[in-house]
Amino acid sequence: MAKGRVRELDWITVRYKDIFAIVGILIAVVAIGGGAFIYWRWHGNPQIQAERALTRAQRMIDTMDTPNLSAEVRATINQARNMLNQGRAEYQARHYPKALSIAKDVLSTLKNVQVASPSSQKYAVLVDTEGSVEVKRTGQHLFSGAKEQMILEDGDIVRTGQNSYAKIKYHNGQVQIVNPDSLVVIQVMFTTSDGANRIEVALKQGLIETQTPKDMTPKDESIIATESTKVRPAPASRVGVAQAPNGQVVTSVYSGSTEIEAAGQKETIDAGVSGASIITTASGFSPKEILVAPPTAEYPKDQQVLRVDDPVRQTINFEWTGGTPKAQFQISAKPLFSKLLAPDQLVSGAKIAIDGLPAGTYYWRVRSEGPTKKTYWSPIYRFRLLQIYQRPKIKRDIKLTVDATPIGDGVIIQGTTDPGVSVSVNDIEIPVNTDGTFSKIFLFSDVGTQTLQVRAFDDEGNEKIWRKQFQSVAY
């Protein structure tokens, strides 16, 4: 009887192995077949290929069709547009290979014009992402996960999920922060033959905040478009645009000014000393509302470098001025504040003490107490907390050369250090190029004798200091 049971168990075991093997083979066949189908569906399918090529061609025509084109280039673009219409007709007739061939001819023609033309298409970079951020490329039908430092082109769509953020930097230095539950389409990015930059994005849902560069010229254009409103921030302006589900568009001007166009009307909104907001719809403008300005950071200041013996045991006293008697305070190790290092809280007395921070880079901001629609966050202040080493972990002789030219109420600083080394001027960190060069105009805050200290340092505890005194004769 025992032997019979053993044979029966062996027979069943063999059959189970056979079943598992068959199931595994079936899964492999399905996976291979499914992968091949998906590849054919999105990459080898003539219909999909034709659709993508036609979309790219249309985007390229829209980008290049500017008012200052020469007669020759305009004639070429008009010809390309006629060819594109033929390609669409072939696509509608389901002649997909023919439509693809025409679209490729259009793209080839336009690229030749681009090479010969001083105007050129530009790109943006997704510099920071926090949480669930997805991108859909031009001509694609599916979103895919975004990656930091991803290049964005005309027609790309950026989508953020709950508690998720994205930061986009454009070729002219403009920065946009895409807030949670938002969808943004990058419409146009290019530079014209006379050097004018044009950036246009379409906000379909949610909220984006735009910071325009100081060196924008009157010819430059920055546009945030919704279904009913177009917002054009001026140089050195910080503007938030929110698209509500009910169709209302809320434009908040935190600094600088912006032109708003809606319902056939245009109005310029200036932030003033505290900020302003306005609601627009397809029927017109609402009255302007004055906002409550946030406090201003006193310590640590933006880009400040703090050197301490033991960062974890060091208490950092955050201080600010202005705003309301109570302020909302946030600190994070992430630049877009998706995760906080301390409870989001109202603070009295314009200061708060935080300890237990290890060496690293941190970000903080404050907001006046009040209704959300009337208050807004201060700019984001970045600081670095460094540990002072008695001896460098890895000893290194850092190169530092500085050339300083007085300009009355300040100094023009130019210098060189080793690539990868950080530089601060009076403990305020400044950008360093990849080749180690740096430059900065440093303005004094008072008259009389002023000490300027330039420090080159690394994370291993090595540093070199240049120090000199100047006379500030104007302020």
Protein backbone atom coordinates (compact mmCIF):
# COMPACT_ATOMS: atom_id res chain seq x y z
CA MET A 1 0.00 0.00 0.00
CA ALA A 2 2.82 2.41 0.85
CA LYS A 3 4.48 1.75 -2.50
CA GLY A 4 1.17 2.40 -4.31
CA ARG A 5 0.82 5.75 -2.62
CA VAL A 6 4.34 6.73 -3.61
CA ARG A 7 3.68 5.90 -7.27
CA GLU A 8 0.44 7.89 -7.21
CA LEU A 9 2.19 10.91 -5.63
CA ASP A 10 5.02 10.67 -8.19
CA TRP A 11 2.49 10.52 -11.06
CA ILE A 12 0.66 13.61 -9.76
CA THR A 13 3.95 15.49 -9.24
CA VAL A 14 5.03 14.79 -12.79
CA ARG A 15 1.71 15.97 -14.16
CA TYR A 16 1.90 19.23 -12.13
CA LYS A 17 5.36 19.92 -13.52
CA ASP A 18 4.03 19.36 -17.00
CA ILE A 19 1.15 21.73 -16.34
CA PHE A 20 3.49 24.42 -14.98
CA ALA A 21 5.74 24.03 -18.00
CA ILE A 22 2.80 24.33 -20.39
CA VAL A 23 1.46 27.38 -18.55
CA GLY A 24 4.92 28.96 -18.62
CA ILE A 25 5.22 28.37 -22.35
CA LEU A 26 1.77 29.85 -22.95
CA ILE A 27 2.63 32.93 -20.87
CA ALA A 28 5.87 33.38 -22.79
CA VAL A 29 4.08 33.06 -26.13
CA VAL A 30 1.41 35.55 -25.05
CA ALA A 31 4.05 37.97 -23.74
CA ILE A 32 6.09 37.77 -26.93
CA GLY A 33 3.01 38.06 -29.09
CA GLY A 34 1.64 40.93 -27.01
CA GLY A 35 4.98 42.74 -27.11
CA ALA A 36 5.19 42.30 -30.85
CA PHE A 37 1.63 43.59 -31.24
CA ILE A 38 2.31 46.62 -29.04
CA TYR A 39 5.52 47.38 -30.93
CA TRP A 40 3.67 47.10 -34.24
CA ARG A 41 0.75 49.11 -32.90
CA TRP A 42 2.85 52.08 -31.79
CA HIS A 43 5.97 51.84 -33.94
CA GLY A 44 5.35 49.70 -37.00
CA ASN A 45 1.73 50.52 -37.74
CA PRO A 46 1.60 52.75 -40.87
CA GLN A 47 -1.45 54.56 -39.53
CA ILE A 48 0.29 55.51 -36.29
CA GLN A 49 3.47 56.48 -38.14
CA ALA A 50 1.52 58.69 -40.54
CA GLU A 51 -0.43 60.31 -37.70
CA ARG A 52 2.75 61.15 -35.78
CA ALA A 53 4.50 62.55 -38.84
CA LEU A 54 1.51 64.72 -39.77
CA THR A 55 1.34 66.06 -36.20
CA ARG A 56 5.06 66.87 -36.15
CA ALA A 57 4.78 68.63 -39.49
CA GLN A 58 1.88 70.77 -38.27
CA ARG A 59 3.76 71.72 -35.12
CA MET A 60 6.79 72.70 -37.15
CA ILE A 61 4.72 74.89 -39.47
CA ASP A 62 3.06 76.60 -36.48
CA THR A 63 6.45 77.25 -34.90
CA MET A 64 8.07 78.71 -38.01
CA ASP A 65 5.11 80.78 -39.24
CA THR A 66 5.98 84.17 -37.70
CA PRO A 67 5.16 87.69 -38.98
CA ASN A 68 8.77 88.64 -39.79
CA LEU A 69 9.45 85.88 -42.34
CA SER A 70 11.05 86.70 -45.65
CA ALA A 71 8.94 86.32 -48.80
CA GLU A 72 10.97 83.27 -49.84
CA VAL A 73 10.56 81.46 -46.53
CA ARG A 74 6.84 82.32 -46.38
CA ALA A 75 6.35 80.88 -49.87
CA THR A 76 8.06 77.66 -48.76
CA ILE A 77 5.89 77.41 -45.64
CA ASN A 78 2.73 77.98 -47.68
CA GLN A 79 3.83 75.22 -50.04
CA ALA A 80 4.49 72.94 -47.04
CA ARG A 81 1.02 73.72 -45.69
CA ASN A 82 -0.56 72.73 -49.04
CA MET A 83 1.44 69.49 -49.06
CA LEU A 84 0.32 68.81 -45.50
CA ASN A 85 -3.33 69.21 -46.56
CA GLN A 86 -2.72 66.62 -49.29
CA GLY A 87 -1.19 64.31 -46.69
CA ARG A 88 -4.24 64.67 -44.48
CA ALA A 89 -6.50 63.89 -47.44
CA GLU A 90 -4.54 60.69 -48.09
CA TYR A 91 -4.78 59.84 -44.38
CA GLN A 92 -8.57 60.29 -44.42
CA ALA A 93 -8.71 58.01 -47.45
CA ARG A 94 -6.73 55.44 -45.41
CA HIS A 95 -3.76 55.65 -47.75
CA TYR A 96 -1.43 55.66 -44.74
CA PRO A 97 1.90 54.89 -46.49
CA LYS A 98 1.22 57.72 -48.96
CA ALA A 99 0.28 60.12 -46.13
CA LEU A 100 3.46 59.16 -44.25
CA SER A 101 5.58 59.80 -47.35
CA ILE A 102 4.05 63.28 -47.85
CA ALA A 103 4.51 64.16 -44.16
CA LYS A 104 8.17 63.16 -44.34
CA ASP A 105 8.63 65.37 -47.41
CA VAL A 106 7.08 68.29 -45.51
CA LEU A 107 9.36 67.73 -42.53
CA SER A 108 12.41 67.50 -44.77
CA THR A 109 11.47 70.74 -46.54
CA LEU A 110 10.91 72.59 -43.27
CA LYS A 111 14.16 71.35 -41.73
CA ASN A 112 16.07 72.67 -44.74
CA VAL A 113 14.41 76.06 -44.21
CA GLN A 114 15.29 75.95 -40.51
CA VAL A 115 18.94 75.31 -41.26
CA ALA A 116 19.04 78.29 -43.63
CA SER A 117 16.99 80.55 -41.32
CA PRO A 118 18.35 82.40 -38.26
CA SER A 119 15.15 81.49 -36.41
CA SER A 120 15.43 78.27 -34.46
CA GLN A 121 13.27 76.06 -32.34
CA LYS A 122 14.29 75.83 -28.69
CA TYR A 123 13.83 73.33 -25.90
CA ALA A 124 12.89 73.25 -22.23
CA VAL A 125 14.20 71.06 -19.43
CA LEU A 126 12.21 69.34 -16.70
CA VAL A 127 14.68 70.27 -13.95
CA ASP A 128 12.73 68.96 -10.93
CA THR A 129 9.94 66.44 -10.41
CA GLU A 130 8.33 65.39 -7.15
CA GLY A 131 5.64 62.73 -6.86
CA SER A 132 3.74 61.44 -9.89
CA VAL A 133 4.72 63.46 -12.99
CA GLU A 134 4.04 62.19 -16.51
CA VAL A 135 4.86 63.43 -20.01
CA LYS A 136 3.16 62.69 -23.32
CA ARG A 137 5.30 63.34 -26.37
CA THR A 138 4.02 64.86 -29.59
CA GLY A 139 2.26 62.19 -31.65
CA GLN A 140 2.15 59.67 -28.80
CA HIS A 141 -1.13 58.40 -27.37
CA LEU A 142 0.07 57.40 -23.91
CA PHE A 143 1.67 59.23 -20.98
CA SER A 144 4.93 57.90 -19.57
CA GLY A 145 6.78 58.62 -16.34
CA ALA A 146 8.82 61.82 -16.38
CA LYS A 147 12.48 62.00 -15.44
CA GLU A 148 14.48 64.92 -14.14
CA GLN A 149 16.57 66.70 -16.80
CA MET A 150 14.19 65.40 -19.48
CA ILE A 151 14.17 67.54 -22.63
CA LEU A 152 10.74 68.94 -23.58
CA GLU A 153 9.78 70.02 -27.10
CA ASP A 154 6.88 71.77 -28.78
CA GLY A 155 3.67 69.79 -28.33
CA ASP A 156 4.78 67.86 -25.24
CA ILE A 157 2.24 67.60 -22.41
CA VAL A 158 3.16 67.59 -18.71
CA ARG A 159 0.72 66.17 -16.16
CA THR A 160 1.05 66.12 -12.36
CA GLY A 161 -0.84 63.94 -9.90
CA GLN A 162 -1.96 64.62 -6.34
CA ASN A 163 0.76 66.15 -4.13
CA SER A 164 3.04 66.20 -7.17
CA TYR A 165 5.04 69.02 -8.72
CA ALA A 166 7.18 69.70 -11.79
CA LYS A 167 9.61 72.54 -12.49
CA ILE A 168 10.33 73.50 -16.10
CA LYS A 169 13.19 75.78 -17.18
CA TYR A 170 13.12 77.34 -20.66
CA HIS A 171 15.92 78.42 -22.95
CA ASN A 172 15.63 82.11 -21.98
CA GLY A 173 15.80 81.46 -18.22
CA GLN A 174 12.05 81.49 -17.60
CA VAL A 175 10.90 79.04 -14.93
CA GLN A 176 7.46 77.49 -14.46
CA ILE A 177 6.27 75.40 -11.51
CA VAL A 178 3.42 73.03 -12.33
CA ASN A 179 1.32 72.44 -9.21
CA PRO A 180 -0.58 69.24 -8.25
CA ASP A 181 -3.44 67.97 -10.45
CA SER A 182 -2.40 70.16 -13.38
CA LEU A 183 -2.02 69.60 -17.12
CA VAL A 184 0.12 71.87 -19.30
CA VAL A 185 0.79 71.73 -23.05
CA ILE A 186 4.00 73.32 -24.32
CA GLN A 187 2.80 75.02 -27.49
CA VAL A 188 5.70 77.04 -28.90
CA MET A 189 9.35 77.71 -28.02
CA PHE A 190 11.58 79.51 -30.50
CA THR A 191 13.88 82.44 -31.18
CA THR A 192 13.23 84.70 -34.19
CA SER A 193 15.82 86.04 -36.59
CA ASP A 194 16.06 89.30 -34.64
CA GLY A 195 16.71 87.49 -31.34
CA ALA A 196 13.20 87.67 -29.84
CA ASN A 197 12.14 84.73 -27.68
CA ARG A 198 8.59 83.38 -27.74
CA ILE A 199 7.29 80.85 -25.24
CA GLU A 200 3.64 79.83 -25.12
CA VAL A 201 2.04 77.14 -22.97
CA ALA A 202 -1.61 76.08 -22.70
CA LEU A 203 -2.97 75.45 -19.21
CA LYS A 204 -5.77 72.89 -19.46
CA GLN A 205 -6.32 72.34 -15.74
CA GLY A 206 -4.76 73.19 -12.41
CA LEU A 207 -2.25 75.90 -11.52
CA ILE A 208 1.13 76.99 -12.83
CA GLU A 209 3.44 79.69 -11.51
CA THR A 210 5.72 81.54 -13.93
CA GLN A 211 8.87 83.54 -13.11
CA THR A 212 10.12 85.55 -16.09
CA PRO A 213 13.79 86.62 -16.41
CA LYS A 214 14.94 90.20 -15.83
CA ASP A 215 16.62 90.47 -19.22
CA MET A 216 13.48 89.98 -21.33
CA THR A 217 13.27 92.53 -24.15
CA PRO A 218 10.12 94.26 -25.46
CA LYS A 219 10.19 91.83 -28.39
CA ASP A 220 10.14 88.76 -26.13
CA GLU A 221 6.83 87.07 -25.42
CA SER A 222 5.77 84.75 -22.63
CA ILE A 223 2.18 83.51 -22.87
CA ILE A 224 0.05 81.30 -20.63
CA ALA A 225 -3.15 80.48 -22.52
CA THR A 226 -6.40 78.97 -21.25
CA GLU A 227 -9.68 78.44 -23.08
CA SER A 228 -10.86 81.99 -22.28
CA THR A 229 -7.77 83.95 -21.27
CA LYS A 230 -4.23 84.80 -22.36
CA VAL A 231 -1.73 85.99 -19.76
CA ARG A 232 1.51 87.74 -20.78
CA PRO A 233 3.87 88.32 -17.81
CA ALA A 234 6.29 91.26 -18.06
CA PRO A 235 10.05 90.89 -17.40
CA ALA A 236 11.07 90.02 -13.82
CA SER A 237 7.50 89.09 -12.91
CA ARG A 238 6.10 86.25 -10.82
CA VAL A 239 2.60 85.25 -11.89
CA GLY A 240 0.28 82.39 -10.98
CA VAL A 241 -2.49 81.25 -13.35
CA ALA A 242 -5.20 78.82 -12.19
CA GLN A 243 -7.82 77.17 -14.44
CA ALA A 244 -10.90 76.30 -12.35
CA PRO A 245 -13.28 73.47 -13.36
CA ASN A 246 -16.12 76.00 -13.80
CA GLY A 247 -14.15 77.81 -16.52
CA GLN A 248 -12.99 80.74 -14.40
CA VAL A 249 -9.34 81.73 -14.68
CA VAL A 250 -7.65 83.28 -11.64
CA THR A 251 -4.49 85.27 -12.43
CA SER A 252 -2.42 86.30 -9.40
CA VAL A 253 0.45 88.76 -9.86
CA TYR A 254 2.90 88.35 -6.97
CA SER A 255 5.60 90.67 -8.33
CA GLY A 256 6.04 92.77 -11.46
CA SER A 257 3.10 93.07 -13.83
CA THR A 258 1.22 91.16 -16.51
CA GLU A 259 -1.12 91.81 -19.42
CA ILE A 260 -4.37 89.82 -19.40
CA GLU A 261 -6.54 89.31 -22.47
CA ALA A 262 -10.09 87.95 -22.22
CA ALA A 263 -13.43 88.49 -23.99
CA GLY A 264 -11.81 90.79 -26.54
CA GLN A 265 -10.42 93.09 -23.81
CA LYS A 266 -6.91 93.69 -22.48
CA GLU A 267 -5.90 94.88 -19.04
CA THR A 268 -2.51 95.29 -17.35
CA ILE A 269 -2.34 94.23 -13.70
CA ASP A 270 0.50 95.51 -11.51
CA ALA A 271 1.46 93.64 -8.35
CA GLY A 272 2.21 96.80 -6.40
CA VAL A 273 3.66 96.28 -2.94
CA SER A 274 1.45 93.36 -1.89
CA GLY A 275 0.26 91.57 -5.04
CA ALA A 276 -3.05 91.52 -6.90
CA SER A 277 -5.39 88.99 -8.49
CA ILE A 278 -8.23 89.06 -11.00
CA ILE A 279 -10.78 86.53 -12.28
CA THR A 280 -11.57 86.26 -15.99
CA THR A 281 -14.16 84.27 -17.92
CA ALA A 282 -15.37 84.14 -21.50
CA SER A 283 -17.60 87.12 -20.69
CA GLY A 284 -14.99 89.47 -19.20
CA PHE A 285 -13.09 90.65 -16.11
CA SER A 286 -13.99 90.77 -12.43
CA PRO A 287 -12.80 93.63 -10.17
CA LYS A 288 -9.14 93.44 -9.13
CA GLU A 289 -8.42 92.20 -5.60
CA ILE A 290 -5.43 93.24 -3.48
CA LEU A 291 -3.54 90.34 -1.90
CA VAL A 292 -1.72 90.06 1.45
CA ALA A 293 2.03 90.04 0.91
CA PRO A 294 4.14 87.31 2.53
CA PRO A 295 7.00 88.03 4.96
CA THR A 296 10.57 88.50 3.72
CA ALA A 297 13.39 86.19 4.82
CA GLU A 298 16.05 87.61 7.10
CA TYR A 299 17.89 84.43 8.06
CA PRO A 300 18.95 82.21 6.44
CA LYS A 301 18.91 84.28 3.26
CA ASP A 302 18.53 82.77 -0.19
CA GLN A 303 21.67 80.84 -1.27
CA GLN A 304 23.29 81.34 2.15
CA VAL A 305 25.90 78.83 3.32
CA LEU A 306 25.86 77.97 7.05
CA ARG A 307 28.98 76.32 8.48
CA VAL A 308 28.61 74.58 11.85
CA ASP A 309 30.60 72.06 13.89
CA ASP A 310 27.79 69.54 14.36
CA PRO A 311 24.78 70.13 12.05
CA VAL A 312 22.46 67.61 13.76
CA ARG A 313 22.94 69.27 17.18
CA GLN A 314 22.87 72.82 15.79
CA THR A 315 19.68 74.87 16.20
CA ILE A 316 18.85 77.00 13.17
CA ASN A 317 16.80 80.11 13.95
CA PHE A 318 14.66 81.06 10.95
CA GLU A 319 13.71 84.75 10.98
CA TRP A 320 11.59 86.97 8.74
CA THR A 321 10.08 90.44 8.63
CA GLY A 322 6.80 91.89 7.37
CA GLY A 323 3.56 90.10 6.67
CA THR A 324 0.94 89.40 9.31
CA PRO A 325 1.66 88.80 13.04
CA LYS A 326 1.32 85.08 12.41
CA ALA A 327 2.86 83.32 9.40
CA GLN A 328 2.71 79.85 7.92
CA PHE A 329 6.19 78.25 7.81
CA GLN A 330 7.45 75.33 5.72
CA ILE A 331 10.85 73.69 5.39
CA SER A 332 11.80 70.82 3.07
CA ALA A 333 14.76 68.99 1.62
CA LYS A 334 12.93 69.02 -1.72
CA PRO A 335 12.81 72.24 -3.79
CA LEU A 336 9.06 71.96 -4.51
CA PHE A 337 7.93 71.06 -0.96
CA SER A 338 6.21 67.75 -1.68
CA LYS A 339 7.53 66.51 1.69
CA LEU A 340 8.03 68.70 4.77
CA LEU A 341 10.66 68.29 7.49
CA ALA A 342 8.54 70.01 10.14
CA PRO A 343 4.79 70.24 10.65
CA ASP A 344 3.06 72.84 8.50
CA GLN A 345 2.24 75.40 11.19
CA LEU A 346 1.34 79.00 12.04
CA VAL A 347 4.17 80.77 13.85
CA SER A 348 4.00 83.88 16.02
CA GLY A 349 6.89 86.26 16.58
CA ALA A 350 8.46 86.13 13.10
CA LYS A 351 10.90 83.36 13.97
CA ILE A 352 11.10 79.64 14.60
CA ALA A 353 13.91 77.33 15.78
CA ILE A 354 14.57 74.04 13.96
CA ASP A 355 17.20 71.48 14.97
CA GLY A 356 18.20 67.97 13.96
CA LEU A 357 19.02 68.85 10.34
CA PRO A 358 21.97 66.89 8.94
CA ALA A 359 24.40 68.54 6.54
CA GLY A 360 22.74 69.17 3.18
CA THR A 361 20.67 71.57 1.08
CA TYR A 362 17.31 72.84 2.35
CA TYR A 363 14.46 75.05 1.20
CA TRP A 364 12.08 77.21 3.23
CA ARG A 365 9.26 79.68 2.67
CA VAL A 366 6.63 81.64 4.61
CA ARG A 367 3.11 82.88 3.99
CA SER A 368 0.99 85.46 5.77
CA GLU A 369 -2.00 84.26 7.77
CA GLY A 370 -5.30 84.62 5.97
CA PRO A 371 -7.63 83.06 3.36
CA THR A 372 -5.91 81.03 0.65
CA LYS A 373 -7.29 83.22 -2.12
CA LYS A 374 -5.85 86.35 -0.49
CA THR A 375 -2.40 85.12 0.57
CA TYR A 376 0.51 83.47 -1.25
CA TRP A 377 3.90 81.95 -0.52
CA SER A 378 7.09 83.95 -0.44
CA PRO A 379 9.83 83.08 -2.95
CA ILE A 380 11.62 79.85 -2.09
CA TYR A 381 14.78 80.42 -0.05
CA ARG A 382 17.58 77.89 -0.48
CA PHE A 383 20.44 77.39 1.98
CA ARG A 384 23.20 74.88 2.58
CA LEU A 385 24.18 73.47 5.94
CA LEU A 386 27.82 72.36 5.98
CA GLN A 387 29.88 70.68 8.67
CA ILE A 388 33.20 72.24 9.61
CA TYR A 389 35.88 69.53 9.54
CA GLN A 390 38.97 69.82 11.70
CA ARG A 391 40.75 67.98 8.93
CA PRO A 392 39.50 67.47 5.38
CA LYS A 393 38.36 63.91 4.75
CA ILE A 394 40.24 63.94 1.45
CA LYS A 395 42.88 66.66 1.34
CA ARG A 396 42.87 68.76 -1.81
CA ASP A 397 44.52 72.01 -2.88
CA ILE A 398 41.69 74.12 -4.31
CA LYS A 399 42.53 76.72 -6.94
CA LEU A 400 40.99 80.19 -6.55
CA THR A 401 41.74 83.33 -8.53
CA VAL A 402 39.60 86.47 -8.16
CA ASP A 403 39.51 89.74 -10.08
CA ALA A 404 37.37 92.44 -8.40
CA THR A 405 36.45 95.77 -10.03
CA PRO A 406 34.83 98.45 -7.80
CA ILE A 407 31.69 100.14 -9.21
CA GLY A 408 30.87 102.69 -6.48
CA ASP A 409 28.20 100.86 -4.51
CA GLY A 410 29.50 97.38 -5.24
CA VAL A 411 32.07 95.18 -6.94
CA ILE A 412 32.17 93.18 -10.16
CA ILE A 413 33.69 89.81 -9.29
CA GLN A 414 35.19 87.46 -11.85
CA GLY A 415 37.20 84.39 -11.00
CA THR A 416 38.21 80.80 -11.56
CA THR A 417 38.26 77.70 -9.41
CA ASP A 418 38.40 73.97 -10.00
CA PRO A 419 35.42 72.39 -11.83
CA GLY A 420 32.88 70.96 -9.39
CA VAL A 421 33.89 73.32 -6.56
CA SER A 422 31.32 75.66 -4.95
CA VAL A 423 31.87 79.39 -4.47
CA SER A 424 30.28 81.86 -2.04
CA VAL A 425 30.61 85.64 -1.70
CA ASN A 426 30.16 86.76 1.91
CA ASP A 427 28.55 83.34 2.54
CA ILE A 428 25.99 83.72 -0.27
CA GLU A 429 26.49 80.95 -2.82
CA ILE A 430 26.84 81.97 -6.47
CA PRO A 431 26.64 79.88 -9.66
CA VAL A 432 29.85 78.30 -11.00
CA ASN A 433 30.18 77.25 -14.64
CA THR A 434 31.22 73.73 -15.59
CA ASP A 435 34.74 74.97 -16.41
CA GLY A 436 35.14 76.53 -12.95
CA THR A 437 34.65 80.17 -13.99
CA PHE A 438 32.25 82.46 -12.13
CA SER A 439 31.13 86.08 -12.14
CA LYS A 440 28.88 88.19 -9.91
CA ILE A 441 27.95 91.81 -9.29
CA PHE A 442 27.91 92.18 -5.51
CA LEU A 443 26.20 95.31 -4.13
CA PHE A 444 27.10 96.67 -0.71
CA SER A 445 24.35 97.34 1.83
CA ASP A 446 26.01 100.37 3.38
CA VAL A 447 28.60 103.10 2.78
CA GLY A 448 32.17 103.16 4.06
CA THR A 449 34.63 100.30 4.39
CA GLN A 450 33.22 96.99 3.19
CA THR A 451 34.89 93.56 3.44
CA LEU A 452 34.40 91.13 0.58
CA GLN A 453 35.16 87.45 1.11
CA VAL A 454 35.15 84.91 -1.70
CA ARG A 455 35.34 81.29 -0.59
CA ALA A 456 35.86 78.23 -2.81
CA PHE A 457 34.95 74.99 -1.04
CA ASP A 458 33.96 71.35 -1.52
CA ASP A 459 31.96 68.83 0.51
CA GLU A 460 35.12 67.21 1.88
CA GLY A 461 36.07 70.20 4.03
CA ASN A 462 38.65 71.75 1.70
CA GLU A 463 38.46 75.47 1.05
CA LYS A 464 40.39 78.52 -0.11
CA ILE A 465 39.50 82.09 0.82
CA TRP A 466 40.13 85.41 -0.94
CA ARG A 467 39.43 88.54 1.12
CA LYS A 468 39.71 92.26 0.37
CA GLN A 469 38.33 95.56 1.66
CA PHE A 470 36.63 98.21 -0.50
CA GLN A 471 35.23 101.69 0.02
CA SER A 472 31.57 102.04 -0.87
CA VAL A 473 31.16 105.63 -2.08
CA ALA A 474 27.53 105.54 -3.18
CA TYR A 475 24.42 103.94 -1.76
